[in-house]
N, C-alpha and C. Protein backbone atom coordinates (compact mmCIF):
# COMPACT_ATOMS: atom_id res chain seq x y z
N MET A 1 105.75 136.81 153.46
CA MET A 1 105.06 136.79 152.17
C MET A 1 105.95 136.14 151.11
N ILE A 2 107.22 136.49 151.14
CA ILE A 2 108.12 135.92 150.13
C ILE A 2 108.23 134.43 150.33
N ARG A 3 108.35 134.00 151.60
CA ARG A 3 108.45 132.56 151.86
C ARG A 3 107.20 131.82 151.39
N LYS A 4 106.03 132.43 151.63
CA LYS A 4 104.79 131.79 151.18
C LYS A 4 104.75 131.70 149.66
N ALA A 5 105.19 132.76 149.00
CA ALA A 5 105.18 132.76 147.54
C ALA A 5 106.11 131.68 147.00
N VAL A 6 107.29 131.58 147.61
CA VAL A 6 108.24 130.55 147.18
C VAL A 6 107.68 129.17 147.41
N THR A 7 107.02 128.99 148.55
CA THR A 7 106.42 127.68 148.86
C THR A 7 105.36 127.31 147.84
N VAL A 8 104.51 128.31 147.49
CA VAL A 8 103.45 128.06 146.50
C VAL A 8 104.07 127.71 145.15
N LEU A 9 105.10 128.44 144.76
CA LEU A 9 105.75 128.18 143.47
C LEU A 9 106.35 126.78 143.42
N LEU A 10 107.00 126.39 144.54
CA LEU A 10 107.58 125.05 144.58
C LEU A 10 106.50 123.98 144.49
N PHE A 11 105.37 124.22 145.14
CA PHE A 11 104.26 123.27 145.12
C PHE A 11 103.71 123.12 143.70
N VAL A 12 103.55 124.28 143.04
CA VAL A 12 103.04 124.26 141.66
C VAL A 12 104.03 123.54 140.75
N ALA A 13 105.31 123.78 140.94
CA ALA A 13 106.33 123.13 140.12
C ALA A 13 106.30 121.63 140.30
N CYS A 14 106.09 121.20 141.55
CA CYS A 14 106.01 119.75 141.80
C CYS A 14 104.82 119.14 141.09
N ILE A 15 103.68 119.85 141.13
CA ILE A 15 102.47 119.35 140.46
C ILE A 15 102.71 119.24 138.95
N VAL A 16 103.31 120.28 138.37
CA VAL A 16 103.58 120.29 136.93
C VAL A 16 104.52 119.16 136.56
N ALA A 17 105.57 118.97 137.39
CA ALA A 17 106.54 117.91 137.10
C ALA A 17 105.89 116.54 137.19
N THR A 18 105.03 116.36 138.19
CA THR A 18 104.33 115.08 138.33
C THR A 18 103.42 114.81 137.15
N ALA A 19 102.68 115.86 136.73
CA ALA A 19 101.77 115.71 135.59
C ALA A 19 102.54 115.40 134.31
N ALA A 20 103.68 116.10 134.14
CA ALA A 20 104.49 115.86 132.94
C ALA A 20 105.03 114.45 132.93
N ALA A 21 105.44 113.98 134.13
CA ALA A 21 105.96 112.62 134.21
C ALA A 21 104.88 111.61 133.88
N ALA A 22 103.67 111.87 134.41
CA ALA A 22 102.55 110.97 134.13
C ALA A 22 102.20 110.99 132.66
N GLU A 23 102.20 112.20 132.07
CA GLU A 23 101.87 112.33 130.65
C GLU A 23 102.93 111.63 129.80
N GLY A 24 104.20 111.78 130.21
CA GLY A 24 105.27 111.12 129.47
C GLY A 24 105.14 109.62 129.53
N ALA A 25 104.70 109.11 130.65
CA ALA A 25 104.53 107.67 130.78
C ALA A 25 103.44 107.17 129.88
N THR A 26 102.40 108.06 129.66
CA THR A 26 101.27 107.63 128.84
C THR A 26 101.56 107.80 127.37
N ILE A 27 102.07 108.99 126.97
CA ILE A 27 102.24 109.32 125.56
C ILE A 27 103.56 108.77 125.03
N GLY A 28 104.63 108.97 125.76
CA GLY A 28 105.92 108.49 125.28
C GLY A 28 106.11 107.05 125.68
N GLY A 29 106.71 106.84 126.79
CA GLY A 29 106.83 105.49 127.35
C GLY A 29 107.67 104.56 126.50
N ASP A 30 107.55 103.29 126.81
CA ASP A 30 108.32 102.25 126.13
C ASP A 30 107.68 101.92 124.79
N ILE A 31 108.53 101.40 123.88
CA ILE A 31 108.12 101.15 122.51
C ILE A 31 107.99 99.65 122.26
N GLY A 32 106.91 99.27 121.54
CA GLY A 32 106.74 97.92 121.01
C GLY A 32 106.44 98.03 119.52
N TYR A 33 106.26 96.89 118.88
CA TYR A 33 106.12 96.91 117.42
C TYR A 33 105.05 95.93 116.95
N TYR A 34 104.39 96.31 115.88
CA TYR A 34 103.55 95.40 115.11
C TYR A 34 104.21 95.24 113.73
N GLN A 35 104.27 94.01 113.23
CA GLN A 35 104.73 93.79 111.86
C GLN A 35 103.56 93.25 111.05
N VAL A 36 103.12 94.04 110.09
CA VAL A 36 102.01 93.64 109.23
C VAL A 36 102.59 92.86 108.05
N ASN A 37 102.11 91.65 107.84
CA ASN A 37 102.59 90.78 106.76
C ASN A 37 101.47 90.59 105.75
N ALA A 38 101.58 91.27 104.61
CA ALA A 38 100.57 91.17 103.56
C ALA A 38 101.14 90.39 102.37
N ASN A 39 100.27 89.94 101.48
CA ASN A 39 100.71 89.18 100.30
C ASN A 39 100.91 90.08 99.08
N VAL A 40 100.82 91.40 99.28
CA VAL A 40 101.05 92.34 98.18
C VAL A 40 101.89 93.52 98.67
N ALA A 41 102.69 94.05 97.75
CA ALA A 41 103.48 95.24 98.05
C ALA A 41 102.66 96.49 97.77
N GLY A 42 103.03 97.60 98.39
CA GLY A 42 102.37 98.87 98.12
C GLY A 42 100.96 98.98 98.66
N ALA A 43 100.62 98.20 99.68
CA ALA A 43 99.29 98.27 100.28
C ALA A 43 99.30 99.23 101.46
N GLU A 44 98.23 100.00 101.61
CA GLU A 44 98.15 101.00 102.68
C GLU A 44 97.61 100.35 103.96
N VAL A 45 98.31 100.64 105.05
CA VAL A 45 97.98 100.03 106.35
C VAL A 45 97.44 101.10 107.30
N SER A 46 96.34 100.77 107.96
CA SER A 46 95.76 101.66 108.98
C SER A 46 95.46 100.86 110.24
N PHE A 47 95.68 101.50 111.41
CA PHE A 47 95.28 100.94 112.70
C PHE A 47 94.12 101.79 113.20
N ASN A 48 92.97 101.15 113.50
CA ASN A 48 91.74 101.90 113.73
C ASN A 48 91.57 102.83 112.53
N ASP A 49 91.58 104.12 112.70
CA ASP A 49 91.50 105.02 111.54
C ASP A 49 92.80 105.79 111.33
N ASP A 50 93.88 105.32 111.96
CA ASP A 50 95.17 106.00 111.84
C ASP A 50 96.01 105.36 110.74
N TYR A 51 96.36 106.17 109.74
CA TYR A 51 97.19 105.69 108.63
C TYR A 51 98.62 105.44 109.14
N LYS A 52 99.16 104.25 108.79
CA LYS A 52 100.48 103.89 109.31
C LYS A 52 101.56 103.74 108.25
N GLY A 53 101.19 103.69 106.98
CA GLY A 53 102.20 103.57 105.94
C GLY A 53 101.84 102.53 104.90
N VAL A 54 102.83 102.16 104.09
CA VAL A 54 102.62 101.27 102.94
C VAL A 54 103.55 100.08 103.05
N THR A 55 103.06 98.91 102.72
CA THR A 55 103.90 97.71 102.75
C THR A 55 105.01 97.80 101.70
N GLY A 56 106.16 97.24 102.03
CA GLY A 56 107.31 97.28 101.13
C GLY A 56 107.24 96.20 100.07
N GLU A 57 108.36 96.02 99.36
CA GLU A 57 108.40 95.05 98.28
C GLU A 57 108.17 93.62 98.78
N ASP A 58 108.50 93.37 100.04
CA ASP A 58 108.28 92.04 100.61
C ASP A 58 106.89 91.92 101.25
N GLY A 59 106.05 92.96 101.10
CA GLY A 59 104.69 92.91 101.62
C GLY A 59 104.58 93.19 103.12
N THR A 60 105.64 93.66 103.76
CA THR A 60 105.60 93.89 105.21
C THR A 60 105.70 95.37 105.55
N LEU A 61 105.20 95.71 106.73
CA LEU A 61 105.34 97.05 107.29
C LEU A 61 105.44 96.93 108.80
N THR A 62 106.47 97.55 109.39
CA THR A 62 106.63 97.55 110.85
C THR A 62 106.09 98.85 111.42
N VAL A 63 105.22 98.73 112.41
CA VAL A 63 104.55 99.89 113.02
C VAL A 63 104.98 99.99 114.48
N GLU A 64 105.47 101.17 114.86
CA GLU A 64 105.90 101.45 116.23
C GLU A 64 104.71 101.90 117.07
N VAL A 65 104.59 101.37 118.30
CA VAL A 65 103.51 101.81 119.20
C VAL A 65 104.06 101.95 120.62
N TYR A 66 103.42 102.81 121.40
CA TYR A 66 103.77 102.94 122.81
C TYR A 66 103.02 101.88 123.59
N VAL A 67 103.75 101.10 124.36
CA VAL A 67 103.11 99.97 125.06
C VAL A 67 102.19 100.44 126.18
N THR A 68 102.39 101.68 126.65
CA THR A 68 101.52 102.20 127.71
C THR A 68 100.41 103.09 127.16
N GLY A 69 100.36 103.22 125.82
CA GLY A 69 99.34 104.06 125.21
C GLY A 69 98.02 103.31 125.07
N THR A 70 97.01 104.01 124.56
CA THR A 70 95.71 103.39 124.32
C THR A 70 95.87 102.35 123.22
N PRO A 71 95.53 101.11 123.47
CA PRO A 71 95.79 100.06 122.48
C PRO A 71 94.87 100.17 121.26
N TYR A 72 95.41 99.83 120.09
CA TYR A 72 94.59 99.73 118.88
C TYR A 72 93.78 98.44 118.94
N THR A 73 92.63 98.46 118.28
CA THR A 73 91.75 97.28 118.30
C THR A 73 91.54 96.65 116.92
N THR A 74 91.74 97.42 115.85
CA THR A 74 91.55 96.89 114.49
C THR A 74 92.67 97.38 113.57
N TYR A 75 92.85 96.65 112.48
CA TYR A 75 93.79 97.09 111.44
C TYR A 75 93.20 96.74 110.08
N SER A 76 93.59 97.52 109.07
CA SER A 76 93.11 97.27 107.71
C SER A 76 94.26 97.45 106.73
N VAL A 77 94.21 96.67 105.65
CA VAL A 77 95.23 96.72 104.60
C VAL A 77 94.49 96.84 103.27
N ALA A 78 94.80 97.87 102.50
CA ALA A 78 94.03 98.16 101.28
C ALA A 78 94.96 98.46 100.11
N LYS A 79 94.56 97.99 98.93
CA LYS A 79 95.26 98.33 97.69
C LYS A 79 94.27 98.25 96.54
N GLU A 80 94.43 99.16 95.59
CA GLU A 80 93.53 99.18 94.43
C GLU A 80 93.64 97.87 93.67
N GLY A 81 92.47 97.32 93.31
CA GLY A 81 92.43 96.05 92.61
C GLY A 81 92.29 94.87 93.53
N TYR A 82 92.27 95.11 94.86
CA TYR A 82 92.13 94.05 95.85
C TYR A 82 91.02 94.39 96.83
N GLU A 83 90.42 93.35 97.40
CA GLU A 83 89.45 93.57 98.46
C GLU A 83 90.19 93.99 99.73
N THR A 84 89.68 95.03 100.41
CA THR A 84 90.34 95.51 101.62
C THR A 84 90.27 94.45 102.71
N PHE A 85 91.41 94.21 103.34
CA PHE A 85 91.47 93.23 104.43
C PHE A 85 91.28 93.95 105.76
N ASN A 86 90.39 93.45 106.60
CA ASN A 86 90.16 94.00 107.93
C ASN A 86 90.36 92.91 108.98
N GLY A 87 91.11 93.26 110.02
CA GLY A 87 91.35 92.29 111.09
C GLY A 87 91.31 92.94 112.46
N GLU A 88 91.22 92.11 113.50
CA GLU A 88 91.20 92.60 114.88
C GLU A 88 92.58 92.44 115.51
N ILE A 89 92.93 93.40 116.34
CA ILE A 89 94.18 93.34 117.11
C ILE A 89 93.82 92.86 118.51
N THR A 90 94.25 91.67 118.83
CA THR A 90 93.90 91.09 120.14
C THR A 90 95.12 90.89 121.04
N ARG A 91 96.29 91.12 120.48
CA ARG A 91 97.52 90.97 121.26
C ARG A 91 98.31 92.25 121.18
N TYR A 92 98.94 92.64 122.28
CA TYR A 92 99.63 93.92 122.36
C TYR A 92 101.09 93.68 122.74
N PRO A 93 102.01 94.37 122.08
CA PRO A 93 103.43 94.10 122.33
C PRO A 93 103.90 94.66 123.66
N ALA A 94 104.82 93.95 124.28
CA ALA A 94 105.53 94.48 125.45
C ALA A 94 106.71 95.32 124.94
N LYS A 95 107.47 95.87 125.86
CA LYS A 95 108.61 96.72 125.50
C LYS A 95 109.58 95.91 124.63
N GLY A 96 109.88 96.44 123.43
CA GLY A 96 110.83 95.80 122.53
C GLY A 96 110.29 94.57 121.80
N GLU A 97 109.06 94.17 122.05
CA GLU A 97 108.49 92.98 121.43
C GLU A 97 107.83 93.33 120.09
N THR A 98 107.80 92.37 119.18
CA THR A 98 107.13 92.54 117.88
C THR A 98 106.01 91.53 117.76
N VAL A 99 104.80 92.02 117.53
CA VAL A 99 103.62 91.17 117.33
C VAL A 99 103.31 91.10 115.83
N GLN A 100 103.10 89.90 115.32
CA GLN A 100 102.84 89.70 113.90
C GLN A 100 101.34 89.82 113.61
N LEU A 101 101.02 90.55 112.52
CA LEU A 101 99.65 90.67 112.04
C LEU A 101 99.61 90.24 110.58
N GLU A 102 98.77 89.27 110.25
CA GLU A 102 98.69 88.74 108.89
C GLU A 102 97.56 89.40 108.11
N ALA A 103 97.77 89.57 106.80
CA ALA A 103 96.76 90.17 105.94
C ALA A 103 96.83 89.52 104.56
N GLU A 104 95.82 88.76 104.19
CA GLU A 104 95.75 88.09 102.88
C GLU A 104 94.72 88.82 102.02
N LEU A 105 95.19 89.56 101.02
CA LEU A 105 94.31 90.33 100.15
C LEU A 105 93.91 89.49 98.93
N SER A 106 92.62 89.51 98.58
CA SER A 106 92.12 88.78 97.42
C SER A 106 91.89 89.75 96.26
N PRO A 107 92.32 89.38 95.03
CA PRO A 107 92.08 90.26 93.88
C PRO A 107 90.59 90.44 93.62
N LEU A 108 90.21 91.64 93.22
CA LEU A 108 88.83 91.90 92.86
C LEU A 108 88.53 91.28 91.49
N THR A 109 87.33 90.75 91.33
CA THR A 109 86.88 90.27 90.03
C THR A 109 86.34 91.46 89.27
N VAL A 110 87.12 91.91 88.28
CA VAL A 110 86.80 93.16 87.61
C VAL A 110 85.54 93.04 86.78
N GLY A 111 85.41 91.97 86.00
CA GLY A 111 84.32 91.89 85.04
C GLY A 111 83.14 91.05 85.48
N GLY A 112 83.11 90.58 86.70
CA GLY A 112 81.99 89.78 87.16
C GLY A 112 82.19 88.31 86.91
N ASP A 113 81.09 87.61 86.58
CA ASP A 113 81.12 86.15 86.44
C ASP A 113 81.87 85.73 85.18
N ILE A 114 82.39 84.49 85.23
CA ILE A 114 83.24 83.98 84.17
C ILE A 114 82.51 82.92 83.34
N GLY A 115 82.70 83.00 82.01
CA GLY A 115 82.28 81.96 81.08
C GLY A 115 83.46 81.58 80.22
N TYR A 116 83.26 80.61 79.31
CA TYR A 116 84.39 80.10 78.54
C TYR A 116 84.02 79.86 77.07
N TYR A 117 85.00 80.06 76.20
CA TYR A 117 84.94 79.61 74.82
C TYR A 117 86.00 78.52 74.65
N GLU A 118 85.64 77.44 73.97
CA GLU A 118 86.63 76.42 73.62
C GLU A 118 86.77 76.41 72.11
N VAL A 119 87.94 76.86 71.65
CA VAL A 119 88.22 76.89 70.22
C VAL A 119 88.78 75.53 69.82
N VAL A 120 88.12 74.87 68.88
CA VAL A 120 88.50 73.52 68.44
C VAL A 120 88.98 73.61 66.99
N THR A 121 90.24 73.29 66.76
CA THR A 121 90.82 73.35 65.42
C THR A 121 91.38 71.99 65.04
N ASN A 122 91.80 71.88 63.77
CA ASN A 122 92.39 70.63 63.28
C ASN A 122 93.92 70.67 63.29
N VAL A 123 94.51 71.74 63.85
CA VAL A 123 95.97 71.84 63.91
C VAL A 123 96.42 72.37 65.28
N PRO A 124 97.50 71.85 65.82
CA PRO A 124 98.07 72.41 67.05
C PRO A 124 98.92 73.63 66.73
N GLY A 125 99.19 74.42 67.74
CA GLY A 125 100.10 75.56 67.58
C GLY A 125 99.56 76.68 66.73
N ALA A 126 98.22 76.78 66.62
CA ALA A 126 97.62 77.86 65.84
C ALA A 126 97.30 79.04 66.76
N GLU A 127 97.52 80.26 66.28
CA GLU A 127 97.28 81.46 67.08
C GLU A 127 95.81 81.87 66.99
N VAL A 128 95.21 82.10 68.17
CA VAL A 128 93.79 82.42 68.25
C VAL A 128 93.61 83.87 68.68
N SER A 129 92.74 84.59 67.97
CA SER A 129 92.42 85.97 68.33
C SER A 129 90.91 86.15 68.36
N PHE A 130 90.43 86.93 69.34
CA PHE A 130 89.03 87.35 69.40
C PHE A 130 89.01 88.83 69.08
N ASN A 131 88.25 89.21 68.05
CA ASN A 131 88.36 90.56 67.50
C ASN A 131 89.84 90.79 67.20
N ASP A 132 90.50 91.72 67.81
CA ASP A 132 91.94 91.90 67.58
C ASP A 132 92.76 91.56 68.83
N ASP A 133 92.16 90.84 69.78
CA ASP A 133 92.85 90.48 71.03
C ASP A 133 93.45 89.09 70.91
N ASP A 134 94.77 88.99 71.09
CA ASP A 134 95.44 87.70 71.05
C ASP A 134 95.06 86.90 72.29
N LYS A 135 94.61 85.64 72.10
CA LYS A 135 94.15 84.82 73.21
C LYS A 135 95.04 83.62 73.51
N GLY A 136 96.00 83.34 72.64
CA GLY A 136 96.88 82.22 72.91
C GLY A 136 97.01 81.30 71.73
N VAL A 137 97.55 80.11 71.99
CA VAL A 137 97.87 79.14 70.94
C VAL A 137 97.21 77.81 71.26
N THR A 138 96.67 77.16 70.24
CA THR A 138 96.04 75.85 70.45
C THR A 138 97.07 74.84 70.91
N GLY A 139 96.64 73.92 71.76
CA GLY A 139 97.54 72.91 72.31
C GLY A 139 97.76 71.74 71.36
N ALA A 140 98.36 70.67 71.91
CA ALA A 140 98.67 69.50 71.11
C ALA A 140 97.41 68.84 70.54
N ASP A 141 96.28 69.02 71.23
CA ASP A 141 95.01 68.45 70.74
C ASP A 141 94.25 69.42 69.84
N GLY A 142 94.86 70.57 69.53
CA GLY A 142 94.22 71.53 68.64
C GLY A 142 93.17 72.40 69.28
N THR A 143 93.10 72.42 70.62
CA THR A 143 92.07 73.21 71.30
C THR A 143 92.70 74.30 72.17
N LEU A 144 91.90 75.33 72.44
CA LEU A 144 92.30 76.40 73.34
C LEU A 144 91.06 76.90 74.07
N THR A 145 91.11 76.95 75.40
CA THR A 145 90.01 77.46 76.20
C THR A 145 90.27 78.92 76.55
N VAL A 146 89.31 79.77 76.26
CA VAL A 146 89.44 81.22 76.47
C VAL A 146 88.42 81.65 77.52
N GLU A 147 88.93 82.33 78.57
CA GLU A 147 88.08 82.81 79.68
C GLU A 147 87.56 84.21 79.34
N VAL A 148 86.25 84.43 79.56
CA VAL A 148 85.67 85.75 79.30
C VAL A 148 84.73 86.12 80.44
N TYR A 149 84.54 87.44 80.64
CA TYR A 149 83.57 87.91 81.61
C TYR A 149 82.20 87.98 80.93
N VAL A 150 81.22 87.34 81.55
CA VAL A 150 79.91 87.26 80.90
C VAL A 150 79.21 88.61 80.88
N THR A 151 79.61 89.54 81.75
CA THR A 151 79.01 90.87 81.76
C THR A 151 79.82 91.89 80.98
N GLY A 152 80.94 91.43 80.37
CA GLY A 152 81.77 92.34 79.60
C GLY A 152 81.23 92.55 78.20
N THR A 153 81.88 93.43 77.45
CA THR A 153 81.49 93.66 76.06
C THR A 153 81.76 92.40 75.26
N PRO A 154 80.75 91.84 74.59
CA PRO A 154 80.95 90.56 73.91
C PRO A 154 81.84 90.69 72.68
N TYR A 155 82.63 89.65 72.43
CA TYR A 155 83.40 89.57 71.19
C TYR A 155 82.47 89.22 70.04
N THR A 156 82.85 89.65 68.85
CA THR A 156 82.00 89.42 67.68
C THR A 156 82.64 88.51 66.64
N THR A 157 83.96 88.43 66.61
CA THR A 157 84.63 87.57 65.63
C THR A 157 85.81 86.85 66.29
N TYR A 158 86.21 85.74 65.66
CA TYR A 158 87.42 85.05 66.09
C TYR A 158 88.17 84.59 64.85
N SER A 159 89.49 84.49 64.99
CA SER A 159 90.33 84.02 63.88
C SER A 159 91.38 83.07 64.41
N VAL A 160 91.75 82.12 63.55
CA VAL A 160 92.76 81.12 63.89
C VAL A 160 93.77 81.08 62.74
N ALA A 161 95.05 81.24 63.05
CA ALA A 161 96.06 81.36 62.00
C ALA A 161 97.28 80.53 62.33
N LYS A 162 97.85 79.94 61.28
CA LYS A 162 99.13 79.23 61.41
C LYS A 162 99.84 79.26 60.07
N GLU A 163 101.16 79.39 60.13
CA GLU A 163 101.93 79.44 58.90
C GLU A 163 101.72 78.16 58.11
N GLY A 164 101.51 78.32 56.82
CA GLY A 164 101.26 77.19 55.95
C GLY A 164 99.80 76.86 55.78
N TYR A 165 98.92 77.59 56.50
CA TYR A 165 97.48 77.38 56.44
C TYR A 165 96.79 78.70 56.12
N GLU A 166 95.63 78.60 55.49
CA GLU A 166 94.82 79.79 55.28
C GLU A 166 94.18 80.19 56.60
N THR A 167 94.22 81.49 56.93
CA THR A 167 93.64 81.98 58.19
C THR A 167 92.13 81.76 58.19
N PHE A 168 91.66 81.21 59.30
CA PHE A 168 90.22 80.97 59.45
C PHE A 168 89.61 82.11 60.26
N THR A 169 88.53 82.71 59.77
CA THR A 169 87.84 83.79 60.47
C THR A 169 86.34 83.52 60.44
N ALA A 170 85.67 83.75 61.58
CA ALA A 170 84.23 83.51 61.65
C ALA A 170 83.62 84.43 62.69
N ASP A 171 82.29 84.55 62.65
CA ASP A 171 81.56 85.37 63.62
C ASP A 171 81.29 84.59 64.90
N ILE A 172 81.24 85.30 66.02
CA ILE A 172 80.82 84.72 67.30
C ILE A 172 79.37 85.11 67.52
N THR A 173 78.51 84.11 67.55
CA THR A 173 77.08 84.39 67.70
C THR A 173 76.50 83.85 69.00
N GLY A 174 77.24 82.97 69.67
CA GLY A 174 76.78 82.45 70.96
C GLY A 174 77.65 82.95 72.09
N TYR A 175 77.04 83.29 73.22
CA TYR A 175 77.77 83.88 74.34
C TYR A 175 77.54 83.04 75.59
N PRO A 176 78.63 82.69 76.31
CA PRO A 176 78.48 81.81 77.47
C PRO A 176 77.85 82.51 78.67
N ALA A 177 77.05 81.75 79.42
CA ALA A 177 76.57 82.21 80.72
C ALA A 177 77.63 81.87 81.77
N LYS A 178 77.38 82.20 83.01
CA LYS A 178 78.32 81.92 84.09
C LYS A 178 78.61 80.43 84.15
N GLY A 179 79.90 80.09 84.05
CA GLY A 179 80.32 78.69 84.15
C GLY A 179 80.08 77.87 82.89
N GLU A 180 79.48 78.45 81.86
CA GLU A 180 79.15 77.72 80.64
C GLU A 180 80.32 77.80 79.64
N THR A 181 80.43 76.76 78.78
CA THR A 181 81.44 76.73 77.74
C THR A 181 80.77 76.68 76.37
N VAL A 182 81.13 77.61 75.51
CA VAL A 182 80.62 77.65 74.13
C VAL A 182 81.75 77.20 73.22
N GLU A 183 81.45 76.25 72.32
CA GLU A 183 82.46 75.71 71.43
C GLU A 183 82.50 76.48 70.12
N LEU A 184 83.72 76.76 69.65
CA LEU A 184 83.93 77.45 68.38
C LEU A 184 84.82 76.56 67.50
N GLN A 185 84.33 76.22 66.33
CA GLN A 185 85.06 75.35 65.41
C GLN A 185 85.90 76.16 64.43
N ALA A 186 87.05 75.63 64.07
CA ALA A 186 87.92 76.28 63.08
C ALA A 186 88.67 75.21 62.32
N ASP A 187 88.29 75.02 61.04
CA ASP A 187 88.94 74.02 60.19
C ASP A 187 89.89 74.74 59.24
N LEU A 188 91.19 74.61 59.48
CA LEU A 188 92.19 75.31 58.69
C LEU A 188 92.57 74.47 57.47
N MET A 189 92.67 75.14 56.31
CA MET A 189 93.05 74.49 55.06
C MET A 189 94.51 74.81 54.75
N MET A 190 95.25 73.77 54.35
CA MET A 190 96.64 73.98 53.98
C MET A 190 96.74 74.78 52.69
N ILE A 191 97.74 75.64 52.63
CA ILE A 191 98.00 76.38 51.40
C ILE A 191 98.72 75.45 50.43
N PRO A 192 98.19 75.24 49.20
CA PRO A 192 98.85 74.33 48.25
C PRO A 192 100.27 74.78 47.95
N VAL A 193 101.15 73.78 47.87
CA VAL A 193 102.55 74.08 47.55
C VAL A 193 102.71 73.95 46.04
N THR A 194 103.08 75.02 45.35
CA THR A 194 103.25 75.01 43.89
C THR A 194 104.68 74.67 43.55
N GLN A 195 104.83 73.74 42.57
CA GLN A 195 106.17 73.33 42.14
C GLN A 195 106.77 74.43 41.25
N PRO A 196 108.04 74.71 41.37
CA PRO A 196 108.66 75.73 40.53
C PRO A 196 108.69 75.28 39.07
N THR A 197 108.36 76.19 38.19
CA THR A 197 108.36 75.88 36.76
C THR A 197 109.79 75.90 36.23
N THR A 198 110.12 74.89 35.33
CA THR A 198 111.47 74.83 34.74
C THR A 198 111.37 75.01 33.24
N GLU A 199 112.25 75.79 32.68
CA GLU A 199 112.27 76.01 31.24
C GLU A 199 112.86 74.80 30.54
N PRO A 200 112.29 74.39 29.39
CA PRO A 200 112.83 73.23 28.67
C PRO A 200 114.27 73.49 28.24
N THR A 201 115.08 72.46 28.37
CA THR A 201 116.49 72.61 27.99
C THR A 201 116.61 72.64 26.47
N GLN A 202 117.39 73.55 26.01
CA GLN A 202 117.58 73.71 24.58
C GLN A 202 118.73 72.83 24.09
N SER A 203 118.52 72.14 22.98
CA SER A 203 119.55 71.28 22.41
C SER A 203 120.74 72.13 22.01
N PRO A 204 121.94 71.62 22.21
CA PRO A 204 123.10 72.41 21.82
C PRO A 204 123.16 72.65 20.32
N PHE A 205 122.43 71.83 19.54
CA PHE A 205 122.38 72.03 18.07
C PHE A 205 120.98 72.45 17.71
N PRO A 206 120.79 73.63 17.16
CA PRO A 206 119.46 74.05 16.71
C PRO A 206 118.93 73.09 15.67
N LEU A 207 117.60 73.08 15.54
CA LEU A 207 116.96 72.20 14.58
C LEU A 207 117.46 72.46 13.17
N ALA A 208 117.65 73.74 12.86
CA ALA A 208 118.14 74.07 11.51
C ALA A 208 119.50 73.44 11.27
N GLY A 209 120.36 73.45 12.30
CA GLY A 209 121.68 72.87 12.16
C GLY A 209 121.60 71.37 11.94
N LEU A 210 120.68 70.71 12.69
CA LEU A 210 120.51 69.27 12.51
C LEU A 210 120.04 68.95 11.11
N ALA A 211 119.10 69.79 10.62
CA ALA A 211 118.61 69.56 9.25
C ALA A 211 119.74 69.71 8.24
N GLY A 212 120.61 70.70 8.43
CA GLY A 212 121.73 70.90 7.51
C GLY A 212 122.67 69.71 7.53
N LEU A 213 122.95 69.18 8.73
CA LEU A 213 123.82 68.02 8.83
C LEU A 213 123.23 66.83 8.12
N ALA A 214 121.90 66.67 8.26
CA ALA A 214 121.24 65.55 7.58
C ALA A 214 121.36 65.68 6.07
N ALA A 215 121.23 66.91 5.52
CA ALA A 215 121.32 67.13 4.08
C ALA A 215 122.73 66.82 3.58
N ILE A 216 123.73 67.24 4.32
CA ILE A 216 125.11 66.98 3.93
C ILE A 216 125.37 65.48 3.90
N GLY A 217 124.87 64.81 4.91
CA GLY A 217 125.05 63.36 4.95
C GLY A 217 124.42 62.68 3.76
N ALA A 218 123.22 63.13 3.36
CA ALA A 218 122.54 62.53 2.20
C ALA A 218 123.35 62.74 0.94
N VAL A 219 123.93 63.94 0.72
CA VAL A 219 124.74 64.22 -0.48
C VAL A 219 125.95 63.33 -0.54
N LEU A 220 126.60 63.16 0.64
CA LEU A 220 127.80 62.31 0.66
C LEU A 220 127.47 60.88 0.31
N LEU A 221 126.34 60.40 0.78
CA LEU A 221 125.94 59.00 0.47
C LEU A 221 125.64 58.86 -0.99
N THR A 222 125.01 59.90 -1.60
CA THR A 222 124.68 59.85 -3.03
C THR A 222 125.93 59.79 -3.87
N ARG A 223 126.94 60.61 -3.53
CA ARG A 223 128.17 60.62 -4.27
C ARG A 223 128.90 59.27 -4.17
N ARG A 224 128.84 58.63 -2.98
CA ARG A 224 129.53 57.37 -2.79
C ARG A 224 128.90 56.31 -3.70
N ASP A 225 127.60 56.38 -3.81
CA ASP A 225 126.95 55.39 -4.67
C ASP A 225 127.34 55.62 -6.14
């Protein structure tokens, strides 16, 4: 009986060891790598539905996988403000090998379709504002093109300012459609330069003194005669 029991125990131990070895080959096994190369830092990477981490400052993330495990078939890279990138995994790394996966994320268009205002002025280097938002400076030709979202809250006023000129302010009454350009005119007037006033120079001899000298001279001439 004891021999049979020992035999059974040894048999069971062999089965357990074989199963553990097989499981180790499947779950543990040799290691390979995927390197995800994205165009943005801080993007979250997932393989199938398994979260794998975040891309670093250089936009990359290295993911460790077991080469004998169940292979992943898809990967996704996501970041707020960008369209989520989804790709297929068609190549699998061998032991110690690194397979490259590329991910190009496109920025989301926050405000929808784009229209344009072209501010036309008579001076270059003038500062342009819509409502209280600074939009830039007019170029050498006195113009500045301003991009706006056609579905956004419309601007109501614009102003153009430059030192030495009176600030120009006007209402915005026309709004561009998608791809359309609305022209805004701004004619700046120079501020007149006033000459400094100068006080008249006073004669070193007051008028009364001159009159006295003239009287003395007349008396002397009379006496001589």
